[in-house]
Every structure is written in C-alpha cells, then in structure tokens.
Amino acid sequence: MSSVRGFSLLEMAVVLVVIGLALGGLLAPLGASVQQRRLDATEAALALAAEVLSGYAVIHGRLPCPDADADGDEDCPLSGEGTLPWRTLGLTRAQARDAWHNPLRYRPDAAFVGTAVADPPATIDGLRLADMAGQPLTALNPAAPAAVLLSRGADGLGNAGNDTDDGRYTQGPPCTSGCAVYFDDQVTAYSTYLLIARLAAAGRWP
C-alpha cells in the first residue's frame, strides 16, 4: 500500500518564496512601464496645452489669464499661478489634466495677459527655470518665458520649490524612488520668442 506524503511547511515556504520572487521580477518592469506611459501622457498634455495657448494668442493677441477657481474659465485680472483655463481654451477638462488626473498648473507672465503684447516685448514677472542643481535653464528679461506649464505629478504636490508662487520653477527628470530628492513634477516653459513668432506670423504683432 503506497502512502502519499504532503508538502512540509518548509517546502511550502520555499515554494511561496520562489513564486514571490518570480512575481516581483515580473511586476517591477510592469510598474516602470506604467510609470513611463504616465510620464509620456503628461508630456503630451503639456505639449497640447502649449499649442492651444499659441492658437489663443494668435486669435486674441495675448495669453489667457489663469483659472483661479477651477471652473475652467480664465480669471482676469489675475497675477500668479492658477490652473489651465481649459474652457476658455476650448479644451475638455480631461485634456487639461495630467495622467494622475490632477489639473495642469499655468503661470503666464503678466506682460502677456489682459492686453496685446507690447512692442518691443518686455517680460514683467521674470519667470525662470532651473535644473535640479539650481543651474539656470532660461535667461532673465527679456528672454524669460512667456508662461510656465506644470504637472505636479502623482503626489499632486509641487516638488523642489514648485509649490510656491515666486516665478521660480525647477525642471528635471522625475525621480520617485532610490533618489536623494523626491521629484515627480513635469515643467514646460513657453518661450517668449515662440509667442512673438506665432503672433508675427499671424500679423498680430507688432
């Protein structure tokens, strides 16, 4: 008569450890792939926002004011940072959000909202970008950005100084694990020269 021996607790533990390691090896690249897709989708949303801002400027001769109360409409006069005025720009609410469903942030220079762009153009707020080491990525007046577009990433918080409204922004590769400084923001500067070029091509400037 044959006897059937079951697994011992030690053997079952070994099997579970092996399965756990195998699943971990599969899930790690999957998680990285999902993260990269979200970063790419957010980058595309920021690029779309910049392109739509160009279209708005060509039609109106200025940039829109930020949205201060999250209703999608620009709120003028308003200096400082708000959310992208998606309704004013003819976008859907979803198009004005990042891959984590957070509203895109928007900070135009006060010189380019409310009235037509002056000739010669001159920025007022001195918006500027720096890298993670604090090195400037944009020049000061008159070549400061006309506007800054920002995603606050998965945590919905501004990182590395991007949580203040002082006109200084940090741009760098997102790093959310194994890094000295947590950073998941994505920042795009809308060039003053690009704005002027689009306006001039449309006959709206000077």
N, C-alpha and C. Protein backbone atom coordinates (compact mmCIF):
# COMPACT_ATOMS: atom_id res chain seq x y z
N MET A 1 0.86 -1.18 0.00
CA MET A 1 0.00 0.00 0.00
C MET A 1 0.90 1.25 0.00
N SER A 2 0.67 2.17 -0.99
CA SER A 2 1.53 3.35 -1.12
C SER A 2 0.99 4.48 -0.25
N SER A 3 1.89 5.24 0.24
CA SER A 3 1.50 6.40 1.06
C SER A 3 1.81 7.68 0.30
N VAL A 4 0.96 8.67 0.45
CA VAL A 4 1.15 9.96 -0.22
C VAL A 4 1.63 10.97 0.82
N ARG A 5 2.81 11.50 0.55
CA ARG A 5 3.38 12.44 1.51
C ARG A 5 3.05 13.86 1.06
N GLY A 6 2.52 14.68 1.96
CA GLY A 6 2.22 16.07 1.62
C GLY A 6 3.46 16.94 1.76
N PHE A 7 3.32 18.19 1.32
CA PHE A 7 4.42 19.15 1.47
C PHE A 7 4.60 19.51 2.94
N SER A 8 5.84 19.62 3.33
CA SER A 8 6.12 20.12 4.68
C SER A 8 5.98 21.64 4.68
N LEU A 9 5.89 22.22 5.85
CA LEU A 9 5.78 23.67 5.95
C LEU A 9 7.00 24.35 5.35
N LEU A 10 8.16 23.74 5.53
CA LEU A 10 9.39 24.32 4.98
C LEU A 10 9.35 24.32 3.46
N GLU A 11 8.90 23.21 2.89
CA GLU A 11 8.82 23.13 1.43
C GLU A 11 7.81 24.13 0.87
N MET A 12 6.68 24.28 1.55
CA MET A 12 5.68 25.24 1.10
C MET A 12 6.22 26.67 1.19
N ALA A 13 6.99 26.93 2.24
CA ALA A 13 7.58 28.27 2.39
C ALA A 13 8.55 28.56 1.26
N VAL A 14 9.35 27.56 0.91
CA VAL A 14 10.31 27.73 -0.19
C VAL A 14 9.57 28.01 -1.50
N VAL A 15 8.51 27.26 -1.76
CA VAL A 15 7.72 27.45 -2.97
C VAL A 15 7.13 28.86 -3.01
N LEU A 16 6.58 29.30 -1.88
CA LEU A 16 5.99 30.64 -1.83
C LEU A 16 7.04 31.72 -2.06
N VAL A 17 8.24 31.52 -1.52
CA VAL A 17 9.32 32.49 -1.73
C VAL A 17 9.69 32.56 -3.20
N VAL A 18 9.80 31.39 -3.84
CA VAL A 18 10.14 31.34 -5.27
C VAL A 18 9.07 32.04 -6.10
N ILE A 19 7.80 31.76 -5.79
CA ILE A 19 6.69 32.41 -6.52
C ILE A 19 6.73 33.93 -6.30
N GLY A 20 7.00 34.34 -5.06
CA GLY A 20 7.08 35.77 -4.76
C GLY A 20 8.18 36.46 -5.53
N LEU A 21 9.36 35.79 -5.60
CA LEU A 21 10.47 36.37 -6.36
C LEU A 21 10.14 36.46 -7.84
N ALA A 22 9.48 35.44 -8.35
CA ALA A 22 9.11 35.44 -9.78
C ALA A 22 8.12 36.55 -10.08
N LEU A 23 7.11 36.71 -9.21
CA LEU A 23 6.13 37.78 -9.40
C LEU A 23 6.77 39.15 -9.27
N GLY A 24 7.70 39.28 -8.32
CA GLY A 24 8.39 40.56 -8.14
C GLY A 24 9.19 40.92 -9.38
N GLY A 25 9.83 39.91 -9.97
CA GLY A 25 10.60 40.16 -11.19
C GLY A 25 9.73 40.57 -12.35
N LEU A 26 8.48 40.10 -12.37
CA LEU A 26 7.55 40.48 -13.44
C LEU A 26 6.91 41.83 -13.19
N LEU A 27 6.58 42.11 -11.91
CA LEU A 27 5.84 43.33 -11.60
C LEU A 27 6.71 44.58 -11.64
N ALA A 28 8.01 44.45 -11.33
CA ALA A 28 8.88 45.62 -11.32
C ALA A 28 8.95 46.28 -12.70
N PRO A 29 9.26 45.52 -13.78
CA PRO A 29 9.27 46.16 -15.09
C PRO A 29 7.90 46.65 -15.51
N LEU A 30 6.84 45.95 -15.09
CA LEU A 30 5.48 46.37 -15.43
C LEU A 30 5.18 47.72 -14.79
N GLY A 31 5.57 47.88 -13.51
CA GLY A 31 5.37 49.15 -12.83
C GLY A 31 6.14 50.28 -13.49
N ALA A 32 7.38 49.99 -13.91
CA ALA A 32 8.19 51.01 -14.58
C ALA A 32 7.56 51.40 -15.91
N SER A 33 6.99 50.41 -16.60
CA SER A 33 6.34 50.68 -17.89
C SER A 33 5.11 51.56 -17.71
N VAL A 34 4.32 51.28 -16.69
CA VAL A 34 3.13 52.09 -16.40
C VAL A 34 3.54 53.52 -16.06
N GLN A 35 4.59 53.65 -15.24
CA GLN A 35 5.07 54.98 -14.86
C GLN A 35 5.52 55.76 -16.10
N GLN A 36 6.25 55.11 -17.01
CA GLN A 36 6.73 55.80 -18.20
C GLN A 36 5.58 56.22 -19.10
N ARG A 37 4.57 55.38 -19.20
CA ARG A 37 3.39 55.74 -20.01
C ARG A 37 2.70 56.97 -19.42
N ARG A 38 2.63 57.05 -18.11
CA ARG A 38 2.01 58.20 -17.48
C ARG A 38 2.83 59.47 -17.70
N LEU A 39 4.15 59.35 -17.61
CA LEU A 39 5.01 60.49 -17.87
C LEU A 39 4.85 60.97 -19.32
N ASP A 40 4.80 60.02 -20.25
CA ASP A 40 4.64 60.37 -21.66
C ASP A 40 3.29 61.02 -21.92
N ALA A 41 2.24 60.50 -21.28
CA ALA A 41 0.90 61.06 -21.47
C ALA A 41 0.84 62.48 -20.91
N THR A 42 1.49 62.71 -19.79
CA THR A 42 1.51 64.05 -19.20
C THR A 42 2.30 65.01 -20.06
N GLU A 43 3.42 64.54 -20.61
CA GLU A 43 4.21 65.37 -21.52
C GLU A 43 3.38 65.77 -22.73
N ALA A 44 2.59 64.84 -23.23
CA ALA A 44 1.72 65.13 -24.38
C ALA A 44 0.65 66.15 -24.00
N ALA A 45 0.11 66.06 -22.78
CA ALA A 45 -0.89 67.03 -22.32
C ALA A 45 -0.29 68.42 -22.21
N LEU A 46 0.94 68.51 -21.72
CA LEU A 46 1.62 69.80 -21.61
C LEU A 46 1.90 70.38 -23.00
N ALA A 47 2.30 69.52 -23.93
CA ALA A 47 2.57 69.98 -25.29
C ALA A 47 1.29 70.48 -25.96
N LEU A 48 0.19 69.76 -25.75
CA LEU A 48 -1.10 70.20 -26.30
C LEU A 48 -1.49 71.55 -25.72
N ALA A 49 -1.31 71.72 -24.42
CA ALA A 49 -1.66 72.98 -23.77
C ALA A 49 -0.84 74.13 -24.37
N ALA A 50 0.45 73.91 -24.58
CA ALA A 50 1.30 74.95 -25.17
C ALA A 50 0.84 75.31 -26.57
N GLU A 51 0.45 74.29 -27.35
CA GLU A 51 -0.01 74.54 -28.71
C GLU A 51 -1.33 75.31 -28.73
N VAL A 52 -2.21 74.97 -27.82
CA VAL A 52 -3.51 75.67 -27.75
C VAL A 52 -3.31 77.10 -27.26
N LEU A 53 -2.36 77.32 -26.37
CA LEU A 53 -2.05 78.68 -25.95
C LEU A 53 -1.60 79.52 -27.13
N SER A 54 -0.82 78.91 -28.03
CA SER A 54 -0.39 79.62 -29.24
C SER A 54 -1.60 80.02 -30.08
N GLY A 55 -2.53 79.09 -30.26
CA GLY A 55 -3.72 79.39 -31.05
C GLY A 55 -4.54 80.51 -30.43
N TYR A 56 -4.68 80.47 -29.11
CA TYR A 56 -5.43 81.52 -28.42
C TYR A 56 -4.75 82.87 -28.61
N ALA A 57 -3.41 82.89 -28.48
CA ALA A 57 -2.67 84.14 -28.62
C ALA A 57 -2.81 84.72 -30.02
N VAL A 58 -2.80 83.84 -31.03
CA VAL A 58 -2.94 84.30 -32.41
C VAL A 58 -4.30 84.97 -32.62
N ILE A 59 -5.34 84.41 -32.02
CA ILE A 59 -6.70 84.96 -32.19
C ILE A 59 -6.90 86.23 -31.37
N HIS A 60 -6.40 86.22 -30.13
CA HIS A 60 -6.70 87.32 -29.20
C HIS A 60 -5.56 88.30 -29.00
N GLY A 61 -4.38 87.97 -29.52
CA GLY A 61 -3.24 88.87 -29.37
C GLY A 61 -2.63 88.87 -27.98
N ARG A 62 -2.99 87.91 -27.16
CA ARG A 62 -2.48 87.82 -25.79
C ARG A 62 -2.66 86.39 -25.30
N LEU A 63 -2.08 86.09 -24.15
CA LEU A 63 -2.30 84.82 -23.49
C LEU A 63 -3.48 84.95 -22.53
N PRO A 64 -4.17 83.84 -22.23
CA PRO A 64 -5.27 83.92 -21.26
C PRO A 64 -4.73 84.04 -19.84
N CYS A 65 -5.56 84.57 -18.98
CA CYS A 65 -5.24 84.58 -17.55
C CYS A 65 -5.42 83.17 -17.00
N PRO A 66 -4.80 82.86 -15.87
CA PRO A 66 -5.02 81.55 -15.24
C PRO A 66 -6.44 81.43 -14.71
N ASP A 67 -6.83 80.20 -14.42
CA ASP A 67 -8.11 79.90 -13.78
C ASP A 67 -7.87 79.84 -12.28
N ALA A 68 -8.56 80.69 -11.53
CA ALA A 68 -8.33 80.78 -10.08
C ALA A 68 -9.30 79.92 -9.28
N ASP A 69 -10.46 79.59 -9.85
CA ASP A 69 -11.48 78.90 -9.05
C ASP A 69 -11.90 77.54 -9.63
N ALA A 70 -11.07 77.00 -10.51
CA ALA A 70 -11.26 75.64 -11.03
C ALA A 70 -12.56 75.44 -11.79
N ASP A 71 -13.10 76.53 -12.41
CA ASP A 71 -14.30 76.36 -13.23
C ASP A 71 -13.97 76.26 -14.71
N GLY A 72 -12.69 76.34 -15.06
CA GLY A 72 -12.28 76.21 -16.45
C GLY A 72 -12.19 77.51 -17.20
N ASP A 73 -12.64 78.62 -16.59
CA ASP A 73 -12.61 79.92 -17.25
C ASP A 73 -11.45 80.75 -16.72
N GLU A 74 -10.89 81.59 -17.60
CA GLU A 74 -9.82 82.47 -17.14
C GLU A 74 -10.39 83.50 -16.17
N ASP A 75 -9.56 83.91 -15.23
CA ASP A 75 -9.96 84.91 -14.24
C ASP A 75 -9.02 86.10 -14.33
N CYS A 76 -9.48 87.15 -14.98
CA CYS A 76 -8.68 88.36 -15.16
C CYS A 76 -9.28 89.50 -14.33
N PRO A 77 -8.49 90.39 -13.80
CA PRO A 77 -7.02 90.28 -13.81
C PRO A 77 -6.57 89.33 -12.71
N LEU A 78 -5.57 88.54 -13.01
CA LEU A 78 -5.01 87.62 -12.03
C LEU A 78 -3.53 87.46 -12.31
N SER A 79 -2.72 87.83 -11.37
CA SER A 79 -1.29 87.61 -11.50
C SER A 79 -0.94 86.40 -10.66
N GLY A 80 0.05 85.68 -11.10
CA GLY A 80 0.46 84.49 -10.37
C GLY A 80 -0.02 83.21 -11.03
N GLU A 81 0.10 82.13 -10.29
CA GLU A 81 -0.18 80.79 -10.82
C GLU A 81 -1.60 80.37 -10.53
N GLY A 82 -2.19 79.68 -11.48
CA GLY A 82 -3.50 79.07 -11.31
C GLY A 82 -3.53 77.78 -12.10
N THR A 83 -4.70 77.32 -12.44
CA THR A 83 -4.80 76.14 -13.29
C THR A 83 -5.06 76.59 -14.73
N LEU A 84 -4.83 75.68 -15.66
CA LEU A 84 -5.03 75.99 -17.07
C LEU A 84 -6.52 76.25 -17.31
N PRO A 85 -6.88 77.39 -17.92
CA PRO A 85 -8.30 77.69 -18.16
C PRO A 85 -8.83 76.90 -19.36
N TRP A 86 -9.16 75.65 -19.12
CA TRP A 86 -9.46 74.73 -20.21
C TRP A 86 -10.70 75.14 -20.99
N ARG A 87 -11.71 75.65 -20.32
CA ARG A 87 -12.92 76.04 -21.03
C ARG A 87 -12.65 77.24 -21.94
N THR A 88 -11.88 78.21 -21.44
CA THR A 88 -11.51 79.38 -22.24
C THR A 88 -10.72 78.96 -23.47
N LEU A 89 -9.91 77.92 -23.33
CA LEU A 89 -9.06 77.45 -24.43
C LEU A 89 -9.75 76.44 -25.34
N GLY A 90 -10.99 76.09 -25.05
CA GLY A 90 -11.71 75.15 -25.89
C GLY A 90 -11.28 73.71 -25.71
N LEU A 91 -10.72 73.38 -24.54
CA LEU A 91 -10.33 72.02 -24.23
C LEU A 91 -11.39 71.37 -23.33
N THR A 92 -11.32 70.07 -23.21
CA THR A 92 -12.14 69.39 -22.22
C THR A 92 -11.40 69.40 -20.89
N ARG A 93 -12.14 69.15 -19.82
CA ARG A 93 -11.50 69.10 -18.50
C ARG A 93 -10.41 68.02 -18.48
N ALA A 94 -10.67 66.88 -19.12
CA ALA A 94 -9.70 65.78 -19.13
C ALA A 94 -8.43 66.17 -19.86
N GLN A 95 -8.55 66.97 -20.92
CA GLN A 95 -7.37 67.37 -21.68
C GLN A 95 -6.48 68.33 -20.90
N ALA A 96 -7.02 68.94 -19.87
CA ALA A 96 -6.25 69.89 -19.07
C ALA A 96 -5.78 69.26 -17.76
N ARG A 97 -5.72 67.93 -17.74
CA ARG A 97 -5.23 67.21 -16.56
C ARG A 97 -4.08 66.31 -16.94
N ASP A 98 -3.26 65.97 -15.96
CA ASP A 98 -2.15 65.07 -16.21
C ASP A 98 -2.61 63.62 -16.09
N ALA A 99 -1.68 62.70 -16.20
CA ALA A 99 -2.03 61.28 -16.19
C ALA A 99 -2.52 60.80 -14.83
N TRP A 100 -2.37 61.61 -13.80
CA TRP A 100 -2.86 61.27 -12.46
C TRP A 100 -4.15 62.03 -12.16
N HIS A 101 -4.72 62.67 -13.18
CA HIS A 101 -5.99 63.39 -13.10
C HIS A 101 -5.90 64.67 -12.27
N ASN A 102 -4.68 65.18 -12.10
CA ASN A 102 -4.50 66.47 -11.44
C ASN A 102 -4.55 67.59 -12.48
N PRO A 103 -5.19 68.72 -12.17
CA PRO A 103 -5.23 69.83 -13.13
C PRO A 103 -3.84 70.35 -13.47
N LEU A 104 -3.60 70.65 -14.74
CA LEU A 104 -2.34 71.27 -15.13
C LEU A 104 -2.28 72.68 -14.55
N ARG A 105 -1.12 73.04 -14.04
CA ARG A 105 -0.90 74.37 -13.50
C ARG A 105 -0.39 75.29 -14.61
N TYR A 106 -0.67 76.60 -14.47
CA TYR A 106 -0.35 77.55 -15.53
C TYR A 106 0.03 78.88 -14.90
N ARG A 107 1.19 79.40 -15.31
CA ARG A 107 1.65 80.70 -14.81
C ARG A 107 2.15 81.54 -15.99
N PRO A 108 1.33 82.48 -16.49
CA PRO A 108 1.79 83.37 -17.55
C PRO A 108 2.49 84.58 -16.97
N ASP A 109 3.36 85.18 -17.75
CA ASP A 109 3.93 86.46 -17.36
C ASP A 109 2.86 87.53 -17.51
N ALA A 110 2.79 88.43 -16.53
CA ALA A 110 1.73 89.45 -16.51
C ALA A 110 1.78 90.36 -17.74
N ALA A 111 2.93 90.43 -18.42
CA ALA A 111 3.04 91.30 -19.59
C ALA A 111 2.23 90.79 -20.77
N PHE A 112 1.84 89.51 -20.75
CA PHE A 112 1.23 88.92 -21.93
C PHE A 112 -0.24 88.53 -21.73
N VAL A 113 -0.83 88.95 -20.63
CA VAL A 113 -2.25 88.66 -20.39
C VAL A 113 -3.03 89.97 -20.27
N GLY A 114 -4.28 89.93 -20.63
CA GLY A 114 -5.15 91.08 -20.44
C GLY A 114 -5.11 92.09 -21.56
N THR A 115 -3.90 92.35 -22.11
CA THR A 115 -3.77 93.31 -23.19
C THR A 115 -2.86 92.74 -24.27
N ALA A 116 -2.83 93.42 -25.42
CA ALA A 116 -1.99 92.97 -26.52
C ALA A 116 -0.52 93.06 -26.11
N VAL A 117 0.30 92.21 -26.70
CA VAL A 117 1.73 92.17 -26.39
C VAL A 117 2.39 93.46 -26.88
N ALA A 118 3.17 94.08 -26.02
CA ALA A 118 3.80 95.36 -26.34
C ALA A 118 4.91 95.20 -27.38
N ASP A 119 5.25 96.30 -28.01
CA ASP A 119 6.36 96.34 -28.98
C ASP A 119 7.34 97.41 -28.51
N PRO A 120 8.55 97.05 -28.10
CA PRO A 120 9.09 95.69 -28.06
C PRO A 120 8.54 94.91 -26.86
N PRO A 121 8.55 93.59 -26.96
CA PRO A 121 8.03 92.79 -25.84
C PRO A 121 8.96 92.89 -24.64
N ALA A 122 8.40 92.94 -23.47
CA ALA A 122 9.20 93.01 -22.25
C ALA A 122 8.49 92.25 -21.16
N THR A 123 9.12 91.21 -20.66
CA THR A 123 8.51 90.44 -19.58
C THR A 123 8.53 91.26 -18.29
N ILE A 124 7.60 90.95 -17.40
CA ILE A 124 7.47 91.68 -16.14
C ILE A 124 7.88 90.80 -14.96
N ASP A 125 7.32 89.60 -14.92
CA ASP A 125 7.48 88.74 -13.74
C ASP A 125 8.83 88.06 -13.66
N GLY A 126 9.53 87.96 -14.79
CA GLY A 126 10.83 87.30 -14.76
C GLY A 126 10.73 85.82 -14.43
N LEU A 127 9.76 85.12 -15.01
CA LEU A 127 9.66 83.68 -14.79
C LEU A 127 10.96 83.00 -15.21
N ARG A 128 11.35 81.96 -14.51
CA ARG A 128 12.59 81.29 -14.85
C ARG A 128 12.59 79.85 -14.39
N LEU A 129 13.37 79.06 -15.12
CA LEU A 129 13.53 77.64 -14.81
C LEU A 129 14.98 77.36 -14.46
N ALA A 130 15.16 76.41 -13.55
CA ALA A 130 16.49 75.92 -13.21
C ALA A 130 16.43 74.40 -13.15
N ASP A 131 17.60 73.76 -13.26
CA ASP A 131 17.64 72.31 -13.13
C ASP A 131 17.72 71.93 -11.65
N MET A 132 17.82 70.64 -11.39
CA MET A 132 17.81 70.16 -10.01
C MET A 132 19.01 70.66 -9.21
N ALA A 133 20.08 71.05 -9.92
CA ALA A 133 21.26 71.57 -9.24
C ALA A 133 21.20 73.08 -9.08
N GLY A 134 20.10 73.68 -9.52
CA GLY A 134 19.95 75.13 -9.38
C GLY A 134 20.54 75.92 -10.52
N GLN A 135 21.04 75.24 -11.57
CA GLN A 135 21.61 75.95 -12.71
C GLN A 135 20.50 76.48 -13.62
N PRO A 136 20.60 77.75 -14.07
CA PRO A 136 19.53 78.34 -14.90
C PRO A 136 19.35 77.60 -16.22
N LEU A 137 18.09 77.38 -16.59
CA LEU A 137 17.75 76.80 -17.88
C LEU A 137 17.14 77.85 -18.81
N THR A 138 16.71 78.96 -18.26
CA THR A 138 16.19 80.07 -19.06
C THR A 138 16.85 81.36 -18.60
N ALA A 139 16.94 82.32 -19.54
CA ALA A 139 17.54 83.61 -19.23
C ALA A 139 16.51 84.51 -18.57
N LEU A 140 17.01 85.58 -17.97
CA LEU A 140 16.12 86.57 -17.40
C LEU A 140 15.68 87.53 -18.50
N ASN A 141 14.97 88.58 -18.14
CA ASN A 141 14.41 89.52 -19.11
C ASN A 141 15.48 89.94 -20.12
N PRO A 142 15.08 90.13 -21.41
CA PRO A 142 13.72 89.97 -21.94
C PRO A 142 13.44 88.56 -22.46
N ALA A 143 14.33 87.60 -22.20
CA ALA A 143 14.16 86.26 -22.75
C ALA A 143 13.55 85.28 -21.75
N ALA A 144 12.99 85.80 -20.67
CA ALA A 144 12.32 84.91 -19.72
C ALA A 144 11.09 84.29 -20.39
N PRO A 145 10.63 83.14 -19.89
CA PRO A 145 9.46 82.50 -20.52
C PRO A 145 8.23 83.40 -20.48
N ALA A 146 7.40 83.28 -21.51
CA ALA A 146 6.12 83.99 -21.51
C ALA A 146 5.14 83.32 -20.56
N ALA A 147 5.33 82.03 -20.34
CA ALA A 147 4.46 81.28 -19.43
C ALA A 147 5.15 79.98 -19.04
N VAL A 148 4.68 79.40 -17.95
CA VAL A 148 5.17 78.10 -17.50
C VAL A 148 3.97 77.19 -17.30
N LEU A 149 4.07 75.97 -17.81
CA LEU A 149 3.05 74.94 -17.64
C LEU A 149 3.63 73.85 -16.76
N LEU A 150 2.81 73.31 -15.86
CA LEU A 150 3.35 72.42 -14.84
C LEU A 150 2.37 71.31 -14.48
N SER A 151 2.90 70.09 -14.40
CA SER A 151 2.18 68.98 -13.76
C SER A 151 2.85 68.71 -12.43
N ARG A 152 2.06 68.58 -11.38
CA ARG A 152 2.62 68.31 -10.07
C ARG A 152 2.78 66.83 -9.78
N GLY A 153 2.58 65.99 -10.79
CA GLY A 153 2.89 64.58 -10.67
C GLY A 153 1.92 63.78 -9.85
N ALA A 154 2.33 62.56 -9.52
CA ALA A 154 1.46 61.61 -8.85
C ALA A 154 1.01 62.09 -7.47
N ASP A 155 1.88 62.79 -6.76
CA ASP A 155 1.52 63.22 -5.40
C ASP A 155 0.69 64.50 -5.40
N GLY A 156 0.57 65.16 -6.54
CA GLY A 156 -0.22 66.38 -6.62
C GLY A 156 0.39 67.56 -5.90
N LEU A 157 1.66 67.44 -5.51
CA LEU A 157 2.35 68.49 -4.77
C LEU A 157 3.50 69.03 -5.59
N GLY A 158 3.78 70.31 -5.45
CA GLY A 158 4.94 70.88 -6.12
C GLY A 158 6.21 70.45 -5.42
N ASN A 159 7.18 69.94 -6.16
CA ASN A 159 8.44 69.49 -5.58
C ASN A 159 9.56 70.47 -5.92
N ALA A 160 10.60 70.48 -5.10
CA ALA A 160 11.80 71.28 -5.35
C ALA A 160 11.47 72.75 -5.61
N GLY A 161 10.60 73.30 -4.80
CA GLY A 161 10.28 74.71 -4.91
C GLY A 161 9.12 75.02 -5.84
N ASN A 162 8.58 74.02 -6.53
CA ASN A 162 7.46 74.27 -7.44
C ASN A 162 6.12 74.41 -6.73
N ASP A 163 6.16 74.47 -5.40
CA ASP A 163 4.93 74.64 -4.63
C ASP A 163 4.74 76.09 -4.18
N THR A 164 5.61 76.98 -4.62
CA THR A 164 5.49 78.39 -4.28
C THR A 164 5.19 79.20 -5.53
N ASP A 165 4.66 80.39 -5.34
CA ASP A 165 4.28 81.24 -6.47
C ASP A 165 5.25 82.41 -6.58
N ASP A 166 6.55 82.09 -6.71
CA ASP A 166 7.56 83.15 -6.79
C ASP A 166 8.15 83.29 -8.19
N GLY A 167 7.60 82.55 -9.15
CA GLY A 167 8.10 82.65 -10.52
C GLY A 167 9.32 81.80 -10.80
N ARG A 168 9.82 81.11 -9.80
CA ARG A 168 10.98 80.22 -9.98
C ARG A 168 10.50 78.78 -10.05
N TYR A 169 10.91 78.07 -11.08
CA TYR A 169 10.48 76.70 -11.26
C TYR A 169 11.68 75.79 -11.49
N THR A 170 11.53 74.56 -11.06
CA THR A 170 12.57 73.55 -11.22
C THR A 170 12.13 72.52 -12.24
N GLN A 171 13.01 72.20 -13.16
CA GLN A 171 12.73 71.20 -14.19
C GLN A 171 13.80 70.13 -14.11
N GLY A 172 13.38 68.88 -14.16
CA GLY A 172 14.35 67.80 -14.12
C GLY A 172 13.69 66.47 -14.36
N PRO A 173 14.48 65.42 -14.55
CA PRO A 173 13.88 64.11 -14.75
C PRO A 173 13.19 63.63 -13.48
N PRO A 174 11.94 63.17 -13.58
CA PRO A 174 11.25 62.66 -12.39
C PRO A 174 12.02 61.53 -11.73
N CYS A 175 12.09 61.57 -10.41
CA CYS A 175 12.74 60.51 -9.64
C CYS A 175 11.92 60.30 -8.38
N THR A 176 11.31 59.11 -8.27
CA THR A 176 10.40 58.86 -7.14
C THR A 176 10.86 57.75 -6.22
N SER A 177 11.96 57.08 -6.56
CA SER A 177 12.49 56.05 -5.66
C SER A 177 13.98 55.91 -5.89
N GLY A 178 14.69 55.66 -4.80
CA GLY A 178 16.13 55.49 -4.89
C GLY A 178 16.88 56.75 -5.26
N CYS A 179 16.29 57.91 -4.97
CA CYS A 179 16.95 59.17 -5.33
C CYS A 179 17.10 60.04 -4.07
N ALA A 180 18.06 60.95 -4.14
CA ALA A 180 18.32 61.80 -2.98
C ALA A 180 17.16 62.76 -2.72
N VAL A 181 16.53 63.26 -3.78
CA VAL A 181 15.42 64.20 -3.66
C VAL A 181 14.24 63.68 -4.45
N TYR A 182 13.09 63.48 -3.79
CA TYR A 182 11.87 63.05 -4.48
C TYR A 182 11.43 64.17 -5.41
N PHE A 183 11.18 63.82 -6.67
CA PHE A 183 10.77 64.83 -7.65
C PHE A 183 9.94 64.15 -8.73
N ASP A 184 8.66 64.55 -8.83
CA ASP A 184 7.82 63.94 -9.87
C ASP A 184 7.10 65.00 -10.72
N ASP A 185 7.54 66.26 -10.61
CA ASP A 185 6.94 67.33 -11.41
C ASP A 185 7.42 67.27 -12.85
N GLN A 186 6.58 67.77 -13.76
CA GLN A 186 6.97 67.96 -15.15
C GLN A 186 6.65 69.40 -15.52
N VAL A 187 7.66 70.12 -15.98
CA VAL A 187 7.55 71.56 -16.21
C VAL A 187 7.95 71.89 -17.63
N THR A 188 7.14 72.74 -18.27
CA THR A 188 7.42 73.20 -19.63
C THR A 188 7.39 74.72 -19.65
N ALA A 189 8.42 75.32 -20.24
CA ALA A 189 8.45 76.77 -20.41
C ALA A 189 7.94 77.12 -21.80
N TYR A 190 7.02 78.08 -21.86
CA TYR A 190 6.51 78.57 -23.14
C TYR A 190 7.34 79.80 -23.49
N SER A 191 8.14 79.69 -24.54
CA SER A 191 9.11 80.72 -24.89
C SER A 191 8.46 82.03 -25.32
N THR A 192 8.99 83.13 -24.83
CA THR A 192 8.54 84.45 -25.28
C THR A 192 8.76 84.61 -26.77
N TYR A 193 9.89 84.12 -27.27
CA TYR A 193 10.20 84.25 -28.69
C TYR A 193 9.24 83.41 -29.54
N LEU A 194 8.83 82.26 -29.04
CA LEU A 194 7.84 81.46 -29.76
C LEU A 194 6.51 82.21 -29.83
N LEU A 195 6.12 82.83 -28.72
CA LEU A 195 4.88 83.60 -28.70
C LEU A 195 4.94 84.73 -29.73
N ILE A 196 6.04 85.48 -29.75
CA ILE A 196 6.17 86.59 -30.68
C ILE A 196 6.19 86.08 -32.12
N ALA A 197 6.87 84.96 -32.35
CA ALA A 197 6.93 84.40 -33.71
C ALA A 197 5.54 84.01 -34.20
N ARG A 198 4.75 83.39 -33.33
CA ARG A 198 3.39 83.00 -33.73
C ARG A 198 2.53 84.23 -33.99
N LEU A 199 2.65 85.25 -33.15
CA LEU A 199 1.86 86.47 -33.33
C LEU A 199 2.28 87.20 -34.62
N ALA A 200 3.58 87.26 -34.86
CA ALA A 200 4.07 87.95 -36.06
C ALA A 200 3.64 87.23 -37.32
N ALA A 201 3.70 85.88 -37.30
CA ALA A 201 3.29 85.11 -38.47
C ALA A 201 1.81 85.30 -38.79
N ALA A 202 1.03 85.58 -37.77
CA ALA A 202 -0.42 85.79 -37.96
C ALA A 202 -0.76 87.26 -38.19
N GLY A 203 0.25 88.12 -38.24
CA GLY A 203 0.00 89.53 -38.44
C GLY A 203 -0.55 90.23 -37.22
N ARG A 204 -0.37 89.62 -36.03
CA ARG A 204 -0.90 90.21 -34.79
C ARG A 204 0.17 90.98 -34.01
N TRP A 205 1.39 91.00 -34.53
CA TRP A 205 2.47 91.72 -33.85
C TRP A 205 3.53 92.08 -34.87
N PRO A 206 4.15 93.26 -34.84
CA PRO A 206 3.89 94.30 -33.85
C PRO A 206 2.62 95.07 -34.20
